[in-house]
C-alpha atoms as a PDB file:
ATOM      1  CA  MET A   1       7.561  -9.721 -20.402  1.00  0.00           C
ATOM      2  CA  LYS A   2      11.717  -8.930 -21.287  1.00  0.00           C
ATOM      3  CA  SER A   3      13.640 -11.597 -18.598  1.00  0.00           C
ATOM      4  CA  ARG A   4      12.769 -13.416 -15.931  1.00  0.00           C
ATOM      5  CA  GLU A   5      14.169 -14.669 -12.622  1.00  0.00           C
ATOM      6  CA  ASP A   6      13.182 -17.425 -10.501  1.00  0.00           C
ATOM      7  CA  ARG A   7      14.751 -18.949  -7.866  1.00  0.00           C
ATOM      8  CA  PRO A   8      13.925 -20.698  -4.765  1.00  0.00           C
ATOM      9  CA  VAL A   9      14.442 -19.168  -1.450  1.00  0.00           C
ATOM     10  CA  THR A  10      14.035 -19.562   2.334  1.00  0.00           C
ATOM     11  CA  SER A  11      12.246 -16.996   4.781  1.00  0.00           C
ATOM     12  CA  GLY A  12      11.824 -19.214   7.986  1.00  0.00           C
ATOM     13  CA  VAL A  13      10.927 -22.985   7.787  1.00  0.00           C
ATOM     14  CA  VAL A  14       9.131 -21.539   4.598  1.00  0.00           C
ATOM     15  CA  ALA A  15      10.202 -21.955   1.146  1.00  0.00           C
ATOM     16  CA  ARG A  16       9.377 -18.826  -1.668  1.00  0.00           C
ATOM     17  CA  GLN A  17       9.553 -19.499  -5.026  1.00  0.00           C
ATOM     18  CA  PHE A  18      11.140 -15.970  -5.792  1.00  0.00           C
ATOM     19  CA  THR A  19      10.522 -14.638  -9.618  1.00  0.00           C
ATOM     20  CA  ARG A  20      11.718 -11.106 -11.430  1.00  0.00           C
ATOM     21  CA  ILE A  21       9.888  -9.917 -14.275  1.00  0.00           C
ATOM     22  CA  ALA A  22      10.763  -7.111 -16.217  1.00  0.00           C
ATOM     23  CA  ILE A  23       7.566  -4.811 -17.469  1.00  0.00           C
ATOM     24  CA  ASP A  24       7.218  -1.612 -18.566  1.00  0.00           C
ATOM     25  CA  ARG A  25       5.858   0.325 -15.617  1.00  0.00           C
ATOM     26  CA  PHE A  26       3.912   2.834 -18.237  1.00  0.00           C
ATOM     27  CA  SER A  27       1.731  -0.067 -19.342  1.00  0.00           C
ATOM     28  CA  PHE A  28       1.273  -3.533 -17.576  1.00  0.00           C
ATOM     29  CA  SER A  29       1.009  -6.614 -19.642  1.00  0.00           C
ATOM     30  CA  PRO A  30      -2.453  -8.734 -19.123  1.00  0.00           C
ATOM     31  CA  SER A  31       0.057 -11.690 -18.371  1.00  0.00           C
ATOM     32  CA  ALA A  32       2.205  -9.794 -15.606  1.00  0.00           C
ATOM     33  CA  ARG A  33      -0.941  -9.116 -14.392  1.00  0.00           C
ATOM     34  CA  ASP A  34      -2.049 -11.474 -13.828  1.00  0.00           C
ATOM     35  CA  HIS A  35       0.413 -13.258 -13.319  1.00  0.00           C
ATOM     36  CA  ALA A  36       0.831 -11.044  -9.864  1.00  0.00           C
ATOM     37  CA  ILE A  37      -2.984 -11.361  -9.124  1.00  0.00           C
ATOM     38  CA  GLU A  38      -2.065 -15.108  -9.345  1.00  0.00           C
ATOM     39  CA  VAL A  39       0.725 -14.680  -6.681  1.00  0.00           C
ATOM     40  CA  MET A  40      -1.876 -12.987  -4.290  1.00  0.00           C
ATOM     41  CA  GLN A  41      -4.184 -14.879  -4.571  1.00  0.00           C
ATOM     42  CA  ARG A  42      -2.540 -17.692  -2.896  1.00  0.00           C
ATOM     43  CA  GLY A  43      -1.159 -15.818  -0.085  1.00  0.00           C
ATOM     44  CA  GLY A  44       2.400 -13.653  -1.924  1.00  0.00           C
ATOM     45  CA  VAL A  45       3.387 -10.981  -1.809  1.00  0.00           C
ATOM     46  CA  VAL A  46       4.198  -8.672  -4.711  1.00  0.00           C
ATOM     47  CA  ALA A  47       6.579  -6.362  -5.780  1.00  0.00           C
ATOM     48  CA  PHE A  48       5.965  -3.083  -8.032  1.00  0.00           C
ATOM     49  CA  PRO A  49       6.354   0.119  -8.968  1.00  0.00           C
ATOM     50  CA  THR A  50       3.167   2.008  -7.847  1.00  0.00           C
ATOM     51  CA  ASP A  51       2.546   6.110  -8.519  1.00  0.00           C
ATOM     52  CA  THR A  52       4.913   6.991  -5.686  1.00  0.00           C
ATOM     53  CA  ILE A  53       7.941   4.410  -4.930  1.00  0.00           C
ATOM     54  CA  TYR A  54       7.713   0.682  -5.431  1.00  0.00           C
ATOM     55  CA  GLY A  55       5.407  -1.108  -3.083  1.00  0.00           C
ATOM     56  CA  LEU A  56       4.507  -4.479  -1.906  1.00  0.00           C
ATOM     57  CA  VAL A  57       1.125  -5.548  -1.814  1.00  0.00           C
ATOM     58  CA  ALA A  58      -0.250  -8.700   0.248  1.00  0.00           C
ATOM     59  CA  PRO A  59      -4.024  -9.708   1.162  1.00  0.00           C
ATOM     60  CA  ALA A  60      -5.663  -7.524   3.372  1.00  0.00           C
ATOM     61  CA  THR A  61      -6.509 -10.266   6.037  1.00  0.00           C
ATOM     62  CA  ALA A  62      -4.841 -11.718   9.308  1.00  0.00           C
ATOM     63  CA  ASP A  63      -2.089 -13.324   7.199  1.00  0.00           C
ATOM     64  CA  GLY A  64      -1.306 -10.470   4.881  1.00  0.00           C
ATOM     65  CA  CYS A  65      -0.480  -8.775   7.828  1.00  0.00           C
ATOM     66  CA  ARG A  66       1.870 -11.197   9.327  1.00  0.00           C
ATOM     67  CA  LEU A  67       3.675 -12.057   5.731  1.00  0.00           C
ATOM     68  CA  LEU A  68       4.221  -7.850   5.861  1.00  0.00           C
ATOM     69  CA  GLN A  69       5.258  -7.527   8.844  1.00  0.00           C
ATOM     70  CA  SER A  70       8.108 -10.544   8.404  1.00  0.00           C
ATOM     71  CA  ALA A  71       9.480  -9.915   5.109  1.00  0.00           C
ATOM     72  CA  LYS A  72       9.770  -5.763   6.123  1.00  0.00           C
ATOM     73  CA  GLY A  73      11.102  -6.605  10.109  1.00  0.00           C
ATOM     74  CA  ARG A  74       8.212  -4.219  10.789  1.00  0.00           C
ATOM     75  CA  ALA A  75       6.623  -4.157  14.323  1.00  0.00           C
ATOM     76  CA  ALA A  76       2.949  -4.825  14.373  1.00  0.00           C
ATOM     77  CA  ARG A  77       1.906  -2.139  16.166  1.00  0.00           C
ATOM     78  CA  LYS A  78       2.541  -0.015  13.334  1.00  0.00           C
ATOM     79  CA  PRO A  79      -0.916  -0.795  10.608  1.00  0.00           C
ATOM     80  CA  PHE A  80      -0.915  -0.966   7.151  1.00  0.00           C
ATOM     81  CA  VAL A  81      -2.457   1.107   4.804  1.00  0.00           C
ATOM     82  CA  VAL A  82      -5.240  -0.343   3.033  1.00  0.00           C
ATOM     83  CA  ALA A  83      -5.573  -0.015  -1.269  1.00  0.00           C
ATOM     84  CA  LEU A  84      -9.919   0.181  -2.077  1.00  0.00           C
ATOM     85  CA  VAL A  85     -10.811   0.336  -5.785  1.00  0.00           C
ATOM     86  CA  ASP A  86     -13.763   2.629  -4.127  1.00  0.00           C
ATOM     87  CA  LEU A  87     -14.839   5.108  -1.701  1.00  0.00           C
ATOM     88  CA  PRO A  88     -15.463   2.860   1.510  1.00  0.00           C
ATOM     89  CA  ARG A  89     -19.074   2.605   2.667  1.00  0.00           C
ATOM     90  CA  PRO A  90     -20.668   2.369   6.444  1.00  0.00           C
ATOM     91  CA  GLY A  91     -20.366  -1.103   7.367  1.00  0.00           C
ATOM     92  CA  GLY A  92     -17.534  -2.479   5.505  1.00  0.00           C
ATOM     93  CA  TRP A  93     -14.228  -0.636   5.521  1.00  0.00           C
ATOM     94  CA  ILE A  94     -15.162   1.609   7.766  1.00  0.00           C
ATOM     95  CA  GLU A  95     -17.766   3.158  10.273  1.00  0.00           C
ATOM     96  CA  SER A  96     -19.930   5.235  10.439  1.00  0.00           C
ATOM     97  CA  VAL A  97     -18.529   9.128   9.834  1.00  0.00           C
ATOM     98  CA  SER A  98     -20.500  12.843   9.738  1.00  0.00           C
ATOM     99  CA  LEU A  99     -20.327  14.752   6.779  1.00  0.00           C
ATOM    100  CA  LEU A 100     -17.206  16.751   7.725  1.00  0.00           C
ATOM    101  CA  VAL A 101     -14.935  13.432   8.238  1.00  0.00           C
ATOM    102  CA  ARG A 102     -16.753  11.960   5.182  1.00  0.00           C
ATOM    103  CA  ARG A 103     -16.542  15.471   2.403  1.00  0.00           C
ATOM    104  CA  ARG A 104     -12.683  15.578   3.442  1.00  0.00           C
ATOM    105  CA  MET A 105     -12.287  11.621   3.167  1.00  0.00           C
ATOM    106  CA  GLU A 106     -13.622  12.756  -0.514  1.00  0.00           C
ATOM    107  CA  ILE A 107     -11.919  15.856  -1.499  1.00  0.00           C
ATOM    108  CA  LEU A 108      -8.816  13.729  -0.382  1.00  0.00           C
ATOM    109  CA  TRP A 109      -9.583  10.365  -2.944  1.00  0.00           C
ATOM    110  CA  PRO A 110      -7.930  11.806  -6.005  1.00  0.00           C
ATOM    111  CA  GLN A 111      -5.075  12.289  -4.086  1.00  0.00           C
ATOM    112  CA  PRO A 112      -1.357  10.535  -2.745  1.00  0.00           C
ATOM    113  CA  VAL A 113      -2.866  10.497   0.320  1.00  0.00           C
ATOM    114  CA  ALA A 114      -3.888   7.660   2.871  1.00  0.00           C
ATOM    115  CA  VAL A 115      -6.295   8.993   4.982  1.00  0.00           C
ATOM    116  CA  LEU A 116      -7.184   7.139   8.807  1.00  0.00           C
ATOM    117  CA  LEU A 117     -11.039   6.617   9.486  1.00  0.00           C
ATOM    118  CA  PRO A 118     -12.368   4.745  11.992  1.00  0.00           C
ATOM    119  CA  ALA A 119     -12.281   1.319  10.991  1.00  0.00           C
ATOM    120  CA  GLY A 120     -15.238  -1.236   9.978  1.00  0.00           C
ATOM    121  CA  PRO A 121     -15.616  -5.003  10.794  1.00  0.00           C
ATOM    122  CA  MET A 122     -13.792  -5.398   7.538  1.00  0.00           C
ATOM    123  CA  VAL A 123     -11.204  -4.656   8.436  1.00  0.00           C
ATOM    124  CA  PRO A 124      -9.023  -7.613   9.925  1.00  0.00           C
ATOM    125  CA  GLU A 125      -7.651  -6.095  14.155  1.00  0.00           C
ATOM    126  CA  GLN A 126      -4.592  -6.589  13.026  1.00  0.00           C
ATOM    127  CA  LEU A 127      -5.078  -3.654   9.684  1.00  0.00           C
ATOM    128  CA  VAL A 128      -6.072  -1.779  13.523  1.00  0.00           C
ATOM    129  CA  GLY A 129      -4.161   1.356  14.876  1.00  0.00           C
ATOM    130  CA  GLU A 130      -4.161   4.234  17.476  1.00  0.00           C
ATOM    131  CA  GLY A 131      -7.836   4.977  18.878  1.00  0.00           C
ATOM    132  CA  GLY A 132      -9.520   2.496  16.672  1.00  0.00           C
ATOM    133  CA  LYS A 133      -9.105   4.065  13.116  1.00  0.00           C
ATOM    134  CA  VAL A 134      -7.796   2.187   9.924  1.00  0.00           C
ATOM    135  CA  GLY A 135      -5.174   4.195   6.559  1.00  0.00           C
ATOM    136  CA  LEU A 136      -7.238   3.774   3.695  1.00  0.00           C
ATOM    137  CA  ARG A 137      -5.981   5.259   0.479  1.00  0.00           C
ATOM    138  CA  ARG A 138      -7.182   5.156  -3.617  1.00  0.00           C
ATOM    139  CA  ALA A 139      -6.006   2.301  -5.710  1.00  0.00           C
ATOM    140  CA  ALA A 140      -3.927   4.767  -7.983  1.00  0.00           C
ATOM    141  CA  ASP A 141      -2.271   2.712 -10.437  1.00  0.00           C
ATOM    142  CA  PRO A 142      -4.161  -0.104 -12.210  1.00  0.00           C
ATOM    143  CA  LEU A 143      -2.104  -2.733 -10.912  1.00  0.00           C
ATOM    144  CA  THR A 144      -2.795  -1.639  -6.951  1.00  0.00           C
ATOM    145  CA  GLN A 145      -6.537  -1.394  -8.500  1.00  0.00           C
ATOM    146  CA  ALA A 146      -6.599  -4.594 -10.541  1.00  0.00           C
ATOM    147  CA  LEU A 147      -5.165  -6.453  -7.493  1.00  0.00           C
ATOM    148  CA  ALA A 148      -7.025  -4.529  -4.961  1.00  0.00           C
ATOM    149  CA  ALA A 149     -10.147  -5.593  -7.345  1.00  0.00           C
ATOM    150  CA  ALA A 150      -9.056  -9.630  -7.736  1.00  0.00           C
ATOM    151  CA  ALA A 151      -8.653  -9.522  -3.884  1.00  0.00           C
ATOM    152  CA  GLY A 152     -12.922  -8.370  -3.029  1.00  0.00           C
ATOM    153  CA  GLY A 153     -11.747  -4.189  -3.150  1.00  0.00           C
ATOM    154  CA  GLY A 154      -8.997  -4.068  -1.063  1.00  0.00           C
ATOM    155  CA  VAL A 155      -5.540  -4.755  -0.748  1.00  0.00           C
ATOM    156  CA  ILE A 156      -2.539  -4.334   1.725  1.00  0.00           C
ATOM    157  CA  SER A 157      -0.131  -1.630   0.416  1.00  0.00           C
ATOM    158  CA  THR A 158       2.990  -1.096   1.916  1.00  0.00           C
ATOM    159  CA  SER A 159       6.418   0.610   1.123  1.00  0.00           C
ATOM    160  CA  ALA A 160       8.999  -2.133  -0.948  1.00  0.00           C
ATOM    161  CA  ASN A 161      11.881  -2.247   1.917  1.00  0.00           C
ATOM    162  CA  LEU A 162      13.108  -2.684   5.032  1.00  0.00           C
ATOM    163  CA  ALA A 163      11.881  -1.182   8.396  1.00  0.00           C
ATOM    164  CA  GLY A 164      13.975   1.174   8.812  1.00  0.00           C
ATOM    165  CA  LYS A 165      15.043   2.249   4.873  1.00  0.00           C
ATOM    166  CA  SER A 166      14.091   4.734   2.773  1.00  0.00           C
ATOM    167  CA  GLY A 167      11.456   3.970   0.391  1.00  0.00           C
ATOM    168  CA  ALA A 168      12.743   1.544  -2.851  1.00  0.00           C
ATOM    169  CA  HIS A 169      13.300   3.405  -6.592  1.00  0.00           C
ATOM    170  CA  ASP A 170      15.060   0.942  -8.202  1.00  0.00           C
ATOM    171  CA  ALA A 171      14.541  -2.972  -8.593  1.00  0.00           C
ATOM    172  CA  ASP A 172      18.205  -4.440  -7.921  1.00  0.00           C
ATOM    173  CA  ALA A 173      17.771  -2.997  -3.885  1.00  0.00           C
ATOM    174  CA  ILE A 174      14.462  -4.421  -3.100  1.00  0.00           C
ATOM    175  CA  ALA A 175      15.859  -8.413  -5.058  1.00  0.00           C
ATOM    176  CA  ALA A 176      18.768  -7.283  -2.229  1.00  0.00           C
ATOM    177  CA  ASP A 177      16.814  -6.904   0.812  1.00  0.00           C
ATOM    178  CA  LEU A 178      13.479  -8.745   0.519  1.00  0.00           C
ATOM    179  CA  GLY A 179      13.668 -11.172  -2.665  1.00  0.00           C
ATOM    180  CA  GLY A 180      14.248 -14.231   0.375  1.00  0.00           C
ATOM    181  CA  ALA A 181      10.991 -13.048   1.781  1.00  0.00           C
ATOM    182  CA  ILE A 182       8.421 -12.293  -1.089  1.00  0.00           C
ATOM    183  CA  ASP A 183       7.086 -14.409  -3.856  1.00  0.00           C
ATOM    184  CA  LEU A 184       7.292 -11.826  -7.455  1.00  0.00           C
ATOM    185  CA  LEU A 185       8.856  -8.828  -8.288  1.00  0.00           C
ATOM    186  CA  LEU A 186       7.177  -6.631 -11.119  1.00  0.00           C
ATOM    187  CA  ASP A 187      11.083  -4.445 -12.655  1.00  0.00           C
ATOM    188  CA  GLY A 188       9.633  -1.684 -14.001  1.00  0.00           C
ATOM    189  CA  GLY A 189      13.188  -0.455 -13.809  1.00  0.00           C
ATOM    190  CA  ALA A 190      14.591   2.937 -11.664  1.00  0.00           C
ATOM    191  CA  LEU A 191      12.010   5.698 -10.890  1.00  0.00           C
ATOM    192  CA  HIS A 192      13.417   9.219  -9.952  1.00  0.00           C
ATOM    193  CA  SER A 193      15.217   9.343  -6.894  1.00  0.00           C
ATOM    194  CA  ASP A 194      12.865  12.174  -5.317  1.00  0.00           C
ATOM    195  CA  ALA A 195       9.844   9.513  -5.535  1.00  0.00           C
ATOM    196  CA  LYS A 196       7.828  10.233  -2.512  1.00  0.00           C
ATOM    197  CA  PRO A 197       5.235   8.305  -0.314  1.00  0.00           C
ATOM    198  CA  THR A 198       1.786   8.613   0.782  1.00  0.00           C
ATOM    199  CA  SER A 199       0.815  11.411   2.887  1.00  0.00           C
ATOM    200  CA  ILE A 200      -1.148  10.112   5.558  1.00  0.00           C
ATOM    201  CA  VAL A 201      -4.061  12.095   6.877  1.00  0.00           C
ATOM    202  CA  ASP A 202      -6.020  12.227  10.124  1.00  0.00           C
ATOM    203  CA  VAL A 203      -9.358  13.918   9.014  1.00  0.00           C
ATOM    204  CA  THR A 204     -11.530  12.294  11.822  1.00  0.00           C
ATOM    205  CA  VAL A 205     -10.145  15.423  13.872  1.00  0.00           C
ATOM    206  CA  THR A 206     -10.425  18.595  13.876  1.00  0.00           C
ATOM    207  CA  PRO A 207      -8.438  20.129  12.709  1.00  0.00           C
ATOM    208  CA  PRO A 208      -7.178  17.338  10.642  1.00  0.00           C
ATOM    209  CA  ARG A 209      -3.768  15.809  11.576  1.00  0.00           C
ATOM    210  CA  ILE A 210      -0.684  14.819   8.977  1.00  0.00           C
ATOM    211  CA  LEU A 211       1.252  12.241  10.787  1.00  0.00           C
ATOM    212  CA  ARG A 212       2.522  11.900   7.358  1.00  0.00           C
ATOM    213  CA  ILE A 213       3.846  14.368   4.917  1.00  0.00           C
ATOM    214  CA  GLY A 214       4.255  12.415   1.397  1.00  0.00           C
ATOM    215  CA  ARG A 215       4.042  13.340  -2.008  1.00  0.00           C
ATOM    216  CA  CYS A 216       1.199  15.267  -1.350  1.00  0.00           C
ATOM    217  CA  PRO A 217       3.112  18.603   0.757  1.00  0.00           C
ATOM    218  CA  LEU A 218       1.934  20.263   3.310  1.00  0.00           C
ATOM    219  CA  ALA A 219       0.230  23.603   1.362  1.00  0.00           C
ATOM    220  CA  ARG A 220      -1.735  21.024  -1.052  1.00  0.00           C
ATOM    221  CA  ILE A 221      -3.582  19.688   1.600  1.00  0.00           C
ATOM    222  CA  ARG A 222      -4.246  23.090   3.312  1.00  0.00           C
ATOM    223  CA  GLU A 223      -5.562  24.148   0.025  1.00  0.00           C
ATOM    224  CA  LEU A 224      -7.151  21.539  -0.763  1.00  0.00           C
ATOM    225  CA  LEU A 225      -8.818  21.535   2.714  1.00  0.00           C
ATOM    226  CA  ARG A 226      -9.987  24.568   2.736  1.00  0.00           C
ATOM    227  CA  GLU A 227      -9.753  24.777   6.539  1.00  0.00           C
ATOM    228  CA  ARG A 228      -6.785  24.351   9.397  1.00  0.00           C
ATOM    229  CA  VAL A 229      -4.019  21.747   9.301  1.00  0.00           C
ATOM    230  CA  VAL A 230      -1.664  20.732  12.167  1.00  0.00           C
ATOM    231  CA  LEU A 231       1.373  18.125  11.577  1.00  0.00           C
ATOM    232  CA  ALA A 232       0.775  15.630  14.032  1.00  0.00           C
END
Protein backbone atom coordinates (compact mmCIF):
# COMPACT_ATOMS: atom_id res chain seq x y z
CA MET A 1 0.00 0.00 0.00
CA LYS A 2 1.32 3.43 -0.95
CA SER A 3 -1.19 5.77 0.64
CA ARG A 4 -4.48 5.72 2.42
CA GLU A 5 -7.26 8.19 3.02
CA ASP A 6 -10.25 7.52 5.29
CA ARG A 7 -13.28 9.64 5.92
CA PRO A 8 -16.75 8.89 7.20
CA VAL A 9 -19.45 9.76 4.70
CA THR A 10 -23.20 9.45 4.57
CA SER A 11 -25.19 7.83 1.75
CA GLY A 12 -28.90 8.29 2.40
CA VAL A 13 -29.39 7.33 6.03
CA VAL A 14 -26.51 4.85 6.20
CA ALA A 15 -23.09 6.08 7.29
CA ARG A 16 -20.27 4.55 5.22
CA GLN A 17 -16.56 4.58 5.88
CA PHE A 18 -14.91 5.46 2.57
CA THR A 19 -11.33 4.24 2.21
CA ARG A 20 -8.97 4.95 -0.68
CA ILE A 21 -5.81 2.89 -1.10
CA ALA A 22 -3.12 3.33 -3.74
CA ILE A 23 -2.18 0.05 -5.42
CA ASP A 24 -0.14 -1.37 -8.28
CA ARG A 25 -2.89 -2.48 -10.67
CA PHE A 26 -0.52 -4.89 -12.39
CA SER A 27 0.24 -6.72 -9.14
CA PHE A 28 -2.42 -6.57 -6.41
CA SER A 29 -0.88 -7.03 -2.99
CA PRO A 30 -2.35 -9.76 -0.75
CA SER A 31 -3.27 -7.11 1.83
CA ALA A 32 -5.25 -5.05 -0.71
CA ARG A 33 -6.96 -8.18 -1.99
CA ASP A 34 -7.87 -9.38 1.49
CA HIS A 35 -9.16 -5.94 2.47
CA ALA A 36 -11.37 -5.84 -0.64
CA ILE A 37 -12.74 -9.31 0.16
CA GLU A 38 -13.45 -8.28 3.76
CA VAL A 39 -15.32 -5.14 2.63
CA MET A 40 -17.43 -7.07 0.11
CA GLN A 41 -18.22 -9.89 2.52
CA ARG A 42 -19.67 -7.44 5.02
CA GLY A 43 -21.91 -6.07 2.28
CA GLY A 44 -19.77 -3.20 1.00
CA VAL A 45 -19.05 -1.88 -2.49
CA VAL A 46 -15.50 -1.99 -3.91
CA ALA A 47 -14.16 0.10 -6.81
CA PHE A 48 -10.95 -0.87 -8.62
CA PRO A 49 -9.29 -1.01 -12.07
CA THR A 50 -10.39 -4.09 -14.05
CA ASP A 51 -9.24 -5.55 -17.37
CA THR A 52 -11.35 -2.92 -19.14
CA ILE A 53 -12.16 0.22 -17.10
CA TYR A 54 -12.65 1.02 -13.41
CA GLY A 55 -15.41 -1.16 -12.04
CA LEU A 56 -17.64 -1.62 -9.01
CA VAL A 57 -18.16 -4.99 -7.37
CA ALA A 58 -20.74 -6.08 -4.81
CA PRO A 59 -22.23 -9.42 -3.71
CA ALA A 60 -24.56 -10.99 -6.29
CA THR A 61 -27.54 -10.63 -3.97
CA ALA A 62 -30.67 -8.48 -3.77
CA ASP A 63 -28.88 -6.23 -1.29
CA GLY A 64 -25.85 -5.98 -3.58
CA CYS A 65 -28.13 -4.89 -6.42
CA ARG A 66 -29.73 -2.20 -4.29
CA LEU A 67 -26.34 -0.90 -3.14
CA LEU A 68 -25.08 -0.51 -6.70
CA GLN A 69 -28.33 0.95 -7.99
CA SER A 70 -28.21 3.53 -5.22
CA ALA A 71 -24.51 4.29 -5.77
CA LYS A 72 -24.90 4.77 -9.52
CA GLY A 73 -28.39 6.27 -9.55
CA ARG A 74 -29.39 3.46 -11.88
CA ALA A 75 -32.91 2.31 -12.68
CA ALA A 76 -33.93 -1.01 -11.15
CA ARG A 77 -35.24 -2.19 -14.54
CA LYS A 78 -31.68 -2.32 -15.93
CA PRO A 79 -30.01 -5.44 -14.44
CA PHE A 80 -26.29 -5.74 -13.77
CA VAL A 81 -23.81 -8.27 -15.17
CA VAL A 82 -22.46 -11.06 -12.95
CA ALA A 83 -18.76 -11.94 -13.15
CA LEU A 84 -18.06 -15.65 -12.57
CA VAL A 85 -14.93 -17.64 -11.79
CA ASP A 86 -15.98 -20.65 -13.88
CA LEU A 87 -18.28 -21.41 -16.79
CA PRO A 88 -21.86 -21.57 -15.50
CA ARG A 89 -23.59 -24.94 -15.21
CA PRO A 90 -27.31 -25.70 -15.59
CA GLY A 91 -29.17 -25.59 -12.29
CA GLY A 92 -26.90 -22.87 -10.91
CA TRP A 93 -26.42 -19.50 -12.55
CA ILE A 94 -28.20 -20.66 -15.72
CA GLU A 95 -30.92 -23.02 -16.85
CA SER A 96 -30.25 -25.77 -19.39
CA VAL A 97 -29.29 -24.48 -22.83
CA SER A 98 -28.90 -26.07 -26.26
CA LEU A 99 -25.54 -27.29 -27.52
CA LEU A 100 -25.45 -24.33 -29.95
CA VAL A 101 -25.95 -21.77 -27.17
CA ARG A 102 -23.35 -23.48 -25.00
CA ARG A 103 -20.87 -23.53 -27.89
CA ARG A 104 -21.34 -19.77 -28.38
CA MET A 105 -20.91 -19.14 -24.66
CA GLU A 106 -17.71 -21.19 -24.47
CA ILE A 107 -16.22 -19.46 -27.52
CA LEU A 108 -16.89 -15.97 -26.16
CA TRP A 109 -16.12 -16.76 -22.50
CA PRO A 110 -12.40 -15.88 -22.53
CA GLN A 111 -13.16 -12.55 -24.23
CA PRO A 112 -14.20 -9.23 -22.60
CA VAL A 113 -17.81 -10.16 -23.40
CA ALA A 114 -20.90 -10.64 -21.22
CA VAL A 115 -23.30 -13.21 -22.64
CA LEU A 116 -27.04 -13.24 -22.01
CA LEU A 117 -28.32 -16.65 -20.89
CA PRO A 118 -31.49 -18.01 -19.25
CA ALA A 119 -31.21 -17.21 -15.53
CA GLY A 120 -30.92 -20.17 -13.16
CA PRO A 121 -32.04 -20.56 -9.53
CA MET A 122 -28.89 -18.92 -8.10
CA VAL A 123 -29.70 -15.59 -9.76
CA PRO A 124 -31.63 -13.04 -7.62
CA GLU A 125 -34.69 -11.67 -9.38
CA GLN A 126 -33.12 -8.20 -9.35
CA LEU A 127 -30.48 -9.49 -11.80
CA VAL A 128 -32.95 -11.10 -14.18
CA GLY A 129 -33.68 -9.05 -17.26
CA GLU A 130 -36.04 -9.17 -20.21
CA GLY A 131 -36.99 -12.68 -21.25
CA GLY A 132 -35.75 -14.18 -17.97
CA LYS A 133 -32.10 -13.73 -18.97
CA VAL A 134 -29.00 -12.81 -16.98
CA GLY A 135 -25.75 -11.25 -18.18
CA LEU A 136 -22.69 -13.33 -17.29
CA ARG A 137 -19.01 -12.85 -18.02
CA ARG A 138 -15.70 -14.37 -17.02
CA ALA A 139 -13.98 -12.71 -14.07
CA ALA A 140 -10.89 -11.79 -16.09
CA ASP A 141 -8.67 -9.80 -13.74
CA PRO A 142 -7.11 -11.34 -10.60
CA LEU A 143 -9.01 -9.23 -8.07
CA THR A 144 -12.44 -9.88 -9.61
CA GLN A 145 -11.54 -13.57 -9.63
CA ALA A 146 -10.60 -13.46 -5.95
CA LEU A 147 -13.75 -11.53 -5.00
CA ALA A 148 -15.98 -13.87 -7.02
CA ALA A 149 -14.36 -16.94 -5.49
CA ALA A 150 -14.82 -15.53 -1.98
CA ALA A 151 -18.50 -14.85 -2.77
CA GLY A 152 -19.24 -18.41 -3.84
CA GLY A 153 -18.34 -18.11 -7.50
CA GLY A 154 -19.87 -14.83 -8.69
CA VAL A 155 -20.18 -11.09 -7.99
CA ILE A 156 -22.07 -8.20 -9.55
CA SER A 157 -19.70 -6.28 -11.80
CA THR A 158 -20.46 -2.88 -13.31
CA SER A 159 -18.63 0.23 -14.49
CA ALA A 160 -17.65 2.72 -11.78
CA ASN A 161 -19.65 5.76 -12.85
CA LEU A 162 -22.95 7.50 -12.27
CA ALA A 163 -25.78 6.41 -14.57
CA GLY A 164 -25.61 8.32 -17.84
CA LYS A 165 -21.89 9.07 -17.54
CA SER A 166 -19.03 7.36 -19.36
CA GLY A 167 -16.97 4.72 -17.61
CA ALA A 168 -14.28 6.10 -15.30
CA HIS A 169 -10.61 5.92 -16.29
CA ASP A 170 -9.12 7.40 -13.12
CA ALA A 171 -9.72 7.14 -9.39
CA ASP A 172 -10.21 10.89 -8.81
CA ALA A 173 -13.41 10.88 -10.87
CA ILE A 174 -14.73 7.92 -8.87
CA ALA A 175 -13.91 9.56 -5.54
CA ALA A 176 -15.69 12.75 -6.63
CA ASP A 177 -18.83 11.07 -7.99
CA LEU A 178 -19.14 7.93 -5.87
CA GLY A 179 -17.05 8.46 -2.74
CA GLY A 180 -20.14 8.89 -0.59
CA ALA A 181 -21.75 5.70 -1.84
CA ILE A 182 -18.92 3.15 -1.91
CA ASP A 183 -16.75 1.67 0.82
CA LEU A 184 -13.37 1.03 -0.78
CA LEU A 185 -11.54 2.54 -3.75
CA LEU A 186 -8.38 0.79 -4.90
CA ASP A 187 -6.53 3.54 -6.75
CA GLY A 188 -4.51 2.06 -9.60
CA GLY A 189 -3.87 5.38 -11.32
CA ALA A 190 -5.11 6.49 -14.72
CA LEU A 191 -6.13 3.93 -17.35
CA HIS A 192 -5.94 4.41 -21.10
CA SER A 193 -8.54 6.97 -22.10
CA ASP A 194 -9.69 4.72 -24.95
CA ALA A 195 -10.43 1.78 -22.64
CA LYS A 196 -13.93 0.44 -23.24
CA PRO A 197 -16.44 -1.54 -21.16
CA THR A 198 -17.42 -5.15 -21.72
CA SER A 199 -19.32 -6.02 -24.89
CA ILE A 200 -22.74 -7.67 -24.35
CA VAL A 201 -24.09 -10.42 -26.63
CA ASP A 202 -27.36 -12.35 -26.46
CA VAL A 203 -26.30 -15.86 -27.50
CA THR A 204 -29.75 -17.41 -26.93
CA VAL A 205 -31.14 -16.11 -30.23
CA THR A 206 -30.25 -16.80 -33.85
CA PRO A 207 -28.53 -14.84 -35.15
CA PRO A 208 -26.79 -13.71 -31.93
CA ARG A 209 -27.52 -10.06 -31.04
CA ILE A 210 -24.99 -7.53 -29.82
CA LEU A 211 -26.60 -5.26 -27.26
CA ARG A 212 -23.43 -3.25 -26.60
CA ILE A 213 -20.17 -3.01 -28.51
CA GLY A 214 -17.32 -2.53 -26.08
CA ARG A 215 -13.78 -3.77 -25.82
CA CYS A 216 -14.51 -6.78 -28.05
CA PRO A 217 -15.50 -5.29 -31.44
CA LEU A 218 -18.18 -6.55 -33.81
CA ALA A 219 -15.66 -7.93 -36.31
CA ARG A 220 -13.92 -9.98 -33.60
CA ILE A 221 -17.21 -11.44 -32.33
CA ARG A 222 -18.20 -12.44 -35.86
CA GLU A 223 -14.77 -13.95 -36.44
CA LEU A 224 -14.99 -16.02 -33.26
CA LEU A 225 -18.55 -17.27 -33.73
CA ARG A 226 -18.19 -17.82 -37.47
CA GLU A 227 -21.82 -16.99 -38.08
CA ARG A 228 -24.01 -14.01 -38.78
CA VAL A 229 -24.25 -11.58 -35.87
CA VAL A 230 -26.57 -8.57 -35.72
CA LEU A 231 -26.73 -5.34 -33.74
CA ALA A 232 -29.72 -4.87 -31.43
